[in-house]
Amino acid sequence: MKPGDGKALRKLAIQLSYKGSASLDFLYNVTVEEFLEIVKEVAECGKQKRI
């Protein structure tokens, strides 16, 4: 991770929370590795819905 990645991760957490994927409190309390895994899973679900 780079120093500026925190802002991007925070923005992703807010977007996921807004979409109803998970609560912001939950997303702020998972490890970075878990958070990135959640982001990947949500992206995969989004891709599958478009097909």
C-alpha atoms as a PDB file:
ATOM      1  CA  MET A   1       0.000   0.000   0.000  1.00  0.00           C
ATOM      2  CA  LYS A   2       1.032   3.542  -0.652  1.00  0.00           C
ATOM      3  CA  PRO A   3       0.572   6.490   1.729  1.00  0.00           C
ATOM      4  CA  GLY A   4      -2.334   7.926  -0.296  1.00  0.00           C
ATOM      5  CA  ASP A   5      -4.275   4.644  -0.411  1.00  0.00           C
ATOM      6  CA  GLY A   6      -6.060   5.329   2.865  1.00  0.00           C
ATOM      7  CA  LYS A   7      -8.231   8.004   1.264  1.00  0.00           C
ATOM      8  CA  ALA A   8      -9.238   5.660  -1.568  1.00  0.00           C
ATOM      9  CA  LEU A   9     -10.029   2.838   0.889  1.00  0.00           C
ATOM     10  CA  ARG A  10     -12.145   5.194   2.988  1.00  0.00           C
ATOM     11  CA  LYS A  11     -14.045   6.296  -0.127  1.00  0.00           C
ATOM     12  CA  LEU A  12     -14.688   2.654  -1.090  1.00  0.00           C
ATOM     13  CA  ALA A  13     -15.947   1.891   2.420  1.00  0.00           C
ATOM     14  CA  ILE A  14     -18.388   4.794   2.247  1.00  0.00           C
ATOM     15  CA  GLN A  15     -19.609   3.689  -1.191  1.00  0.00           C
ATOM     16  CA  LEU A  16     -20.135   0.094  -0.054  1.00  0.00           C
ATOM     17  CA  SER A  17     -21.971   1.285   3.036  1.00  0.00           C
ATOM     18  CA  TYR A  18     -24.158   3.627   0.962  1.00  0.00           C
ATOM     19  CA  LYS A  19     -25.062   0.783  -1.398  1.00  0.00           C
ATOM     20  CA  GLY A  20     -26.094  -1.331   1.587  1.00  0.00           C
ATOM     21  CA  SER A  21     -23.359  -3.955   1.217  1.00  0.00           C
ATOM     22  CA  ALA A  22     -22.203  -3.540   4.824  1.00  0.00           C
ATOM     23  CA  SER A  23     -22.318  -1.015   7.632  1.00  0.00           C
ATOM     24  CA  LEU A  24     -19.639   1.631   7.754  1.00  0.00           C
ATOM     25  CA  ASP A  25     -18.743   0.594  11.319  1.00  0.00           C
ATOM     26  CA  PHE A  26     -18.137  -2.971  10.149  1.00  0.00           C
ATOM     27  CA  LEU A  27     -16.034  -1.887   7.161  1.00  0.00           C
ATOM     28  CA  TYR A  28     -13.897   0.432   9.294  1.00  0.00           C
ATOM     29  CA  ASN A  29     -13.133  -2.398  11.730  1.00  0.00           C
ATOM     30  CA  VAL A  30     -12.011  -5.166   9.362  1.00  0.00           C
ATOM     31  CA  THR A  31      -8.372  -5.614   8.390  1.00  0.00           C
ATOM     32  CA  VAL A  32      -7.185  -4.153   5.098  1.00  0.00           C
ATOM     33  CA  GLU A  33      -6.848  -7.667   3.686  1.00  0.00           C
ATOM     34  CA  GLU A  34     -10.439  -8.526   4.643  1.00  0.00           C
ATOM     35  CA  PHE A  35     -11.669  -5.214   3.258  1.00  0.00           C
ATOM     36  CA  LEU A  36      -9.979  -5.785  -0.098  1.00  0.00           C
ATOM     37  CA  GLU A  37     -11.492  -9.278  -0.240  1.00  0.00           C
ATOM     38  CA  ILE A  38     -14.955  -7.815   0.374  1.00  0.00           C
ATOM     39  CA  VAL A  39     -14.384  -5.254  -2.390  1.00  0.00           C
ATOM     40  CA  LYS A  40     -13.398  -8.036  -4.806  1.00  0.00           C
ATOM     41  CA  GLU A  41     -16.473 -10.097  -3.931  1.00  0.00           C
ATOM     42  CA  VAL A  42     -18.818  -7.128  -4.372  1.00  0.00           C
ATOM     43  CA  ALA A  43     -17.186  -6.335  -7.728  1.00  0.00           C
ATOM     44  CA  GLU A  44     -17.656  -9.946  -8.871  1.00  0.00           C
ATOM     45  CA  CYS A  45     -21.328  -9.845  -7.878  1.00  0.00           C
ATOM     46  CA  GLY A  46     -21.755  -6.619  -9.815  1.00  0.00           C
ATOM     47  CA  LYS A  47     -20.179  -8.159 -12.908  1.00  0.00           C
ATOM     48  CA  GLN A  48     -22.422 -11.221 -12.676  1.00  0.00           C
ATOM     49  CA  LYS A  49     -25.563  -9.077 -12.404  1.00  0.00           C
ATOM     50  CA  ARG A  50     -24.626  -7.220 -15.609  1.00  0.00           C
ATOM     51  CA  ILE A  51     -24.308 -10.431 -17.616  1.00  0.00           C
END
